[in-house]
């Protein structure tokens, strides 16, 4: 798993594929994000600019309504006919005169207001009991607005939206009115009546917005105290706006447009301040993103085209460059396994083609050399190994038979039978049908049988321990490389009177080497002298078995392998057999 995640162990084609996918994905993502961001910013600014233009138009419409109605109220206050109508004595004035005045004043109101779609009705009521009404008659309580108008002493009062009844059967209609107390022009402090100009809230909203308000861009009119004066949702008119945060943002805003979160969704708010009111328009961010759907579709098509082009480029790269390299790698592995029929097809005259031609030429030359020189050398090495190994067999056989002879005298038949069994195992390993290489576990079994035979001869004076690292059991080794060292321990390392005599054998892998240590607690050896003897080209006067094993291993594996005497702190000898872990495996398989 560690190698699978390590980029260094990936094959070349997977590296190319990964780099292509990552680079193309990053490029498409970066360009797409930049394009989308710029498009979003441009569209966002366009929507905000459009909203600001629209709200400026709405402001003009609203200001025109307020101005016109206030002008009408001003005219009523200062016009002599209206003043005369509100101050005349009903008892002293003829009815025809009252009727004439009423008709004239009604005509003025009708002329000024009845052509306005948002106008609903007007009521002029004098302190003398005379009243002028135009428009549809309404039923309902308006006293609280009259009281508030009185507190203003002639000032203009724009009411909140309120409900009145109209027609039969009565139907509710939402009204927004201008209330104003009329004072006597000759005596300013004396009220002589009041005027009420009522507007249809729905039709006023439609007139102001001109039908431009949409669900995605709601527009509404607020008092500064948060009262909704007009809204595209009729039921919300006449109620306090449900989110106080918006009112606070409007009060503290320093720019005409700001961001505002409403019902979990981001909005851009554009507003205009008109006297005691805010004209507000909101645009949802979702609406802006919806407007980008066409751009997103174009981006997907561009991304798909880029991916397709990238795939075509990758296929061309694979065919022209990657495939020849992979083919060369595959054929190199064949050569590594000894198959010199390997060859690469030359497809071009570039650097890869030149590399392929040189590879084919190299394989041909190596094959020729192996068929002539190296095969002869290998045969010579094998002959030398067999000759060296055959020198050990008689020496070992004589010593073993001598041990069995003494064992038969001292023990009864069962022990002798076991000794013969161990001897048979040793013979089988020694002969092994002429094979030079055996698994480590078989070599260990051979040594174990030999030590058991020696233990029966020496009794409690000899004990041994054999351990091998997990995974080394099937490691191929040259046969009869441990037993001669053990025999040296018993024959030359131990004093027969010394007890107990211990032999410790361990096999383990260290990096790219297989180490087999043979350690005893005997008289010990001169480490420097032994190592010098092993590296000498001359035949030694003593230590023949160790020199024999060392030469066999060096002939098989080369320099750097064989036996080595190790200096250690305890009493006794320490000999290490050094073998190649991987090369040995290849030799064993062959």
Foldseek 3Di string as FASTA:
>chain_A
DVLVPDPVNDDPLVVVVVVLVVVLVVVLVVVVVVVVVVLLVVLVVVVVVVVQVLVVQLVVLVVVVVVLVVVVVVCLQPPPLNLCLLPPAPVVDDPVVNVVSLVVVVVVCCVSPVVQQFFAKKWWAWPNGDIHIDHFDWDDDPVVVVVVQVVVLFDKDWDFWDWIWGDPVTDIFTKIKIKGFHANPVGSNHTTTIMITITGQVSSVCSSSVPPADPQKWKFKAFLVQATRHTPPVVSGRPGPPDVVVSVCVVPPPDQWDWDADPNFIWIKGWDDDPRMIIIIIGTSVVSVVVCPVVVVVSVVVSVVSVVVSVVVSVVCCVPPVVLVVLVVVLVVCVVLPNLVGAGDQDDDDPSSVVRVVVNVVSVVVVVCCVPPVVVVVVVLLVVLVVLLVVVVVVVVVVLVVLLVQLPVVDPDVVSVLLVVLVVLLVCLSPVVSDFKFFPLSLVSNLVSVVVSVCSSLPQQEDEEEEEDPPRRRQIDGHPLVNVVVVCCVPPFADSVDGNKYWYWYWYDDVQKIKIKIKIQGQEDDQVVVVVQLPDPDQDPDPNSQNSQQVSQCSVPNPPFGKHWDDDDHHTTMIMGIGGRVVRVSVVVD
